Amino acid sequence: MIGYRFLSLAEEEMVEASNYYEAESEGLGREFLDDVRRVIDTIR
């Protein structure tokens, strides 16, 4: 399987987005990160 990594700024932005979603609705931040992982796995 092909590896991947996020640039530091992209990872920071993703974590900030996750924190924002989590603050809006409990569990939503985790769902966001799960979706990101799922899409990356699909692309890979």
PDB file of N, CA and C in Angstrom:
ATOM      1  N   MET A   1       0.844  -1.182   0.000  1.00  0.00           N
ATOM      2  CA  MET A   1       0.000   0.000   0.000  1.00  0.00           C
ATOM      3  C   MET A   1       0.886   1.242   0.000  1.00  0.00           C
ATOM      4  N   ILE A   2       0.479   2.245  -0.708  1.00  0.00           N
ATOM      5  CA  ILE A   2       1.229   3.487  -0.816  1.00  0.00           C
ATOM      6  C   ILE A   2       1.095   4.293   0.473  1.00  0.00           C
ATOM      7  N   GLY A   3       2.225   4.795   0.968  1.00  0.00           N
ATOM      8  CA  GLY A   3       2.207   5.619   2.174  1.00  0.00           C
ATOM      9  C   GLY A   3       1.794   7.051   1.847  1.00  0.00           C
ATOM     10  N   TYR A   4       1.536   7.798   2.858  1.00  0.00           N
ATOM     11  CA  TYR A   4       1.194   9.207   2.695  1.00  0.00           C
ATOM     12  C   TYR A   4       1.549   9.950   3.966  1.00  0.00           C
ATOM     13  N   ARG A   5       1.628  11.249   3.847  1.00  0.00           N
ATOM     14  CA  ARG A   5       1.815  12.098   5.021  1.00  0.00           C
ATOM     15  C   ARG A   5       1.219  13.455   4.702  1.00  0.00           C
ATOM     16  N   PHE A   6       0.823  14.154   5.745  1.00  0.00           N
ATOM     17  CA  PHE A   6       0.280  15.493   5.593  1.00  0.00           C
ATOM     18  C   PHE A   6       1.386  16.505   5.818  1.00  0.00           C
ATOM     19  N   LEU A   7       1.361  17.583   5.076  1.00  0.00           N
ATOM     20  CA  LEU A   7       2.228  18.702   5.394  1.00  0.00           C
ATOM     21  C   LEU A   7       1.799  19.233   6.751  1.00  0.00           C
ATOM     22  N   SER A   8       2.721  19.814   7.485  1.00  0.00           N
ATOM     23  CA  SER A   8       2.430  20.296   8.843  1.00  0.00           C
ATOM     24  C   SER A   8       1.238  21.242   8.871  1.00  0.00           C
ATOM     25  N   LEU A   9       1.207  22.194   7.947  1.00  0.00           N
ATOM     26  CA  LEU A   9       0.102  23.159   7.935  1.00  0.00           C
ATOM     27  C   LEU A   9      -1.233  22.495   7.612  1.00  0.00           C
ATOM     28  N   ALA A  10      -1.216  21.523   6.722  1.00  0.00           N
ATOM     29  CA  ALA A  10      -2.453  20.816   6.374  1.00  0.00           C
ATOM     30  C   ALA A  10      -2.964  20.009   7.559  1.00  0.00           C
ATOM     31  N   GLU A  11      -2.039  19.365   8.265  1.00  0.00           N
ATOM     32  CA  GLU A  11      -2.441  18.591   9.440  1.00  0.00           C
ATOM     33  C   GLU A  11      -3.000  19.509  10.525  1.00  0.00           C
ATOM     34  N   GLU A  12      -2.367  20.658  10.706  1.00  0.00           N
ATOM     35  CA  GLU A  12      -2.862  21.638  11.680  1.00  0.00           C
ATOM     36  C   GLU A  12      -4.283  22.076  11.335  1.00  0.00           C
ATOM     37  N   GLU A  13      -4.506  22.360  10.065  1.00  0.00           N
ATOM     38  CA  GLU A  13      -5.828  22.804   9.622  1.00  0.00           C
ATOM     39  C   GLU A  13      -6.869  21.704   9.820  1.00  0.00           C
ATOM     40  N   MET A  14      -6.478  20.464   9.547  1.00  0.00           N
ATOM     41  CA  MET A  14      -7.405  19.345   9.723  1.00  0.00           C
ATOM     42  C   MET A  14      -7.779  19.182  11.194  1.00  0.00           C
ATOM     43  N   VAL A  15      -6.804  19.312  12.085  1.00  0.00           N
ATOM     44  CA  VAL A  15      -7.072  19.196  13.527  1.00  0.00           C
ATOM     45  C   VAL A  15      -7.961  20.351  13.985  1.00  0.00           C
ATOM     46  N   GLU A  16      -7.685  21.545  13.501  1.00  0.00           N
ATOM     47  CA  GLU A  16      -8.526  22.701  13.863  1.00  0.00           C
ATOM     48  C   GLU A  16      -9.962  22.486  13.402  1.00  0.00           C
ATOM     49  N   ALA A  17     -10.128  21.971  12.189  1.00  0.00           N
ATOM     50  CA  ALA A  17     -11.476  21.697  11.676  1.00  0.00           C
ATOM     51  C   ALA A  17     -12.166  20.647  12.542  1.00  0.00           C
ATOM     52  N   SER A  18     -11.435  19.611  12.908  1.00  0.00           N
ATOM     53  CA  SER A  18     -11.994  18.565  13.759  1.00  0.00           C
ATOM     54  C   SER A  18     -12.424  19.132  15.110  1.00  0.00           C
ATOM     55  N   ASN A  19     -11.587  19.969  15.692  1.00  0.00           N
ATOM     56  CA  ASN A  19     -11.928  20.594  16.976  1.00  0.00           C
ATOM     57  C   ASN A  19     -13.164  21.476  16.853  1.00  0.00           C
ATOM     58  N   TYR A  20     -13.270  22.211  15.758  1.00  0.00           N
ATOM     59  CA  TYR A  20     -14.434  23.064  15.529  1.00  0.00           C
ATOM     60  C   TYR A  20     -15.707  22.210  15.446  1.00  0.00           C
ATOM     61  N   TYR A  21     -15.656  21.144  14.618  1.00  0.00           N
ATOM     62  CA  TYR A  21     -16.827  20.280  14.467  1.00  0.00           C
ATOM     63  C   TYR A  21     -17.205  19.626  15.790  1.00  0.00           C
ATOM     64  N   GLU A  22     -16.202  19.227  16.560  1.00  0.00           N
ATOM     65  CA  GLU A  22     -16.468  18.589  17.856  1.00  0.00           C
ATOM     66  C   GLU A  22     -17.145  19.567  18.816  1.00  0.00           C
ATOM     67  N   ALA A  23     -16.735  20.825  18.755  1.00  0.00           N
ATOM     68  CA  ALA A  23     -17.345  21.848  19.614  1.00  0.00           C
ATOM     69  C   ALA A  23     -18.798  22.104  19.211  1.00  0.00           C
ATOM     70  N   GLU A  24     -19.095  21.935  17.932  1.00  0.00           N
ATOM     71  CA  GLU A  24     -20.466  22.144  17.448  1.00  0.00           C
ATOM     72  C   GLU A  24     -21.382  20.988  17.853  1.00  0.00           C
ATOM     73  N   SER A  25     -20.843  19.768  17.791  1.00  0.00           N
ATOM     74  CA  SER A  25     -21.658  18.593  18.100  1.00  0.00           C
ATOM     75  C   SER A  25     -20.737  17.441  18.501  1.00  0.00           C
ATOM     76  N   GLU A  26     -20.959  16.902  19.679  1.00  0.00           N
ATOM     77  CA  GLU A  26     -20.105  15.832  20.184  1.00  0.00           C
ATOM     78  C   GLU A  26     -20.060  14.654  19.209  1.00  0.00           C
ATOM     79  N   GLY A  27     -18.854  14.226  18.883  1.00  0.00           N
ATOM     80  CA  GLY A  27     -18.663  13.101  17.970  1.00  0.00           C
ATOM     81  C   GLY A  27     -18.456  13.520  16.526  1.00  0.00           C
ATOM     82  N   LEU A  28     -18.838  14.749  16.198  1.00  0.00           N
ATOM     83  CA  LEU A  28     -18.726  15.204  14.809  1.00  0.00           C
ATOM     84  C   LEU A  28     -17.274  15.362  14.377  1.00  0.00           C
ATOM     85  N   GLY A  29     -16.417  15.779  15.288  1.00  0.00           N
ATOM     86  CA  GLY A  29     -14.997  15.910  14.963  1.00  0.00           C
ATOM     87  C   GLY A  29     -14.386  14.564  14.632  1.00  0.00           C
ATOM     88  N   ARG A  30     -14.739  13.544  15.405  1.00  0.00           N
ATOM     89  CA  ARG A  30     -14.245  12.182  15.143  1.00  0.00           C
ATOM     90  C   ARG A  30     -14.774  11.679  13.811  1.00  0.00           C
ATOM     91  N   GLU A  31     -16.037  11.942  13.512  1.00  0.00           N
ATOM     92  CA  GLU A  31     -16.607  11.533  12.225  1.00  0.00           C
ATOM     93  C   GLU A  31     -15.866  12.185  11.071  1.00  0.00           C
ATOM     94  N   PHE A  32     -15.519  13.452  11.236  1.00  0.00           N
ATOM     95  CA  PHE A  32     -14.772  14.172  10.206  1.00  0.00           C
ATOM     96  C   PHE A  32     -13.434  13.477   9.939  1.00  0.00           C
ATOM     97  N   LEU A  33     -12.685  13.172  11.014  1.00  0.00           N
ATOM     98  CA  LEU A  33     -11.385  12.517  10.838  1.00  0.00           C
ATOM     99  C   LEU A  33     -11.545  11.111  10.251  1.00  0.00           C
ATOM    100  N   ASP A  34     -12.589  10.411  10.651  1.00  0.00           N
ATOM    101  CA  ASP A  34     -12.855   9.085  10.078  1.00  0.00           C
ATOM    102  C   ASP A  34     -13.123   9.190   8.584  1.00  0.00           C
ATOM    103  N   ASP A  35     -13.878  10.203   8.191  1.00  0.00           N
ATOM    104  CA  ASP A  35     -14.164  10.412   6.766  1.00  0.00           C
ATOM    105  C   ASP A  35     -12.891  10.735   5.989  1.00  0.00           C
ATOM    106  N   VAL A  36     -12.026  11.556   6.571  1.00  0.00           N
ATOM    107  CA  VAL A  36     -10.758  11.883   5.916  1.00  0.00           C
ATOM    108  C   VAL A  36      -9.962  10.599   5.697  1.00  0.00           C
ATOM    109  N   ARG A  37      -9.850   9.773   6.741  1.00  0.00           N
ATOM    110  CA  ARG A  37      -9.106   8.509   6.600  1.00  0.00           C
ATOM    111  C   ARG A  37      -9.730   7.594   5.561  1.00  0.00           C
ATOM    112  N   ARG A  38     -11.048   7.525   5.552  1.00  0.00           N
ATOM    113  CA  ARG A  38     -11.749   6.660   4.598  1.00  0.00           C
ATOM    114  C   ARG A  38     -11.479   7.098   3.158  1.00  0.00           C
ATOM    115  N   VAL A  39     -11.510   8.400   2.911  1.00  0.00           N
ATOM    116  CA  VAL A  39     -11.258   8.920   1.560  1.00  0.00           C
ATOM    117  C   VAL A  39      -9.809   8.658   1.150  1.00  0.00           C
ATOM    118  N   ILE A  40      -8.881   8.863   2.075  1.00  0.00           N
ATOM    119  CA  ILE A  40      -7.475   8.593   1.763  1.00  0.00           C
ATOM    120  C   ILE A  40      -7.280   7.120   1.424  1.00  0.00           C
ATOM    121  N   ASP A  41      -7.903   6.237   2.189  1.00  0.00           N
ATOM    122  CA  ASP A  41      -7.800   4.805   1.904  1.00  0.00           C
ATOM    123  C   ASP A  41      -8.381   4.468   0.540  1.00  0.00           C
ATOM    124  N   THR A  42      -9.463   5.117   0.175  1.00  0.00           N
ATOM    125  CA  THR A  42     -10.076   4.890  -1.134  1.00  0.00           C
ATOM    126  C   THR A  42      -9.132   5.336  -2.246  1.00  0.00           C
ATOM    127  N   ILE A  43      -8.532   6.485  -2.078  1.00  0.00           N
ATOM    128  CA  ILE A  43      -7.601   7.015  -3.088  1.00  0.00           C
ATOM    129  C   ILE A  43      -6.375   6.119  -3.212  1.00  0.00           C
ATOM    130  N   ARG A  44      -5.877   5.651  -2.066  1.00  0.00           N
ATOM    131  CA  ARG A  44      -4.675   4.813  -2.082  1.00  0.00           C
ATOM    132  C   ARG A  44      -4.966   3.502  -2.767  1.00  0.00           C
TER     133      ARG A  44
END
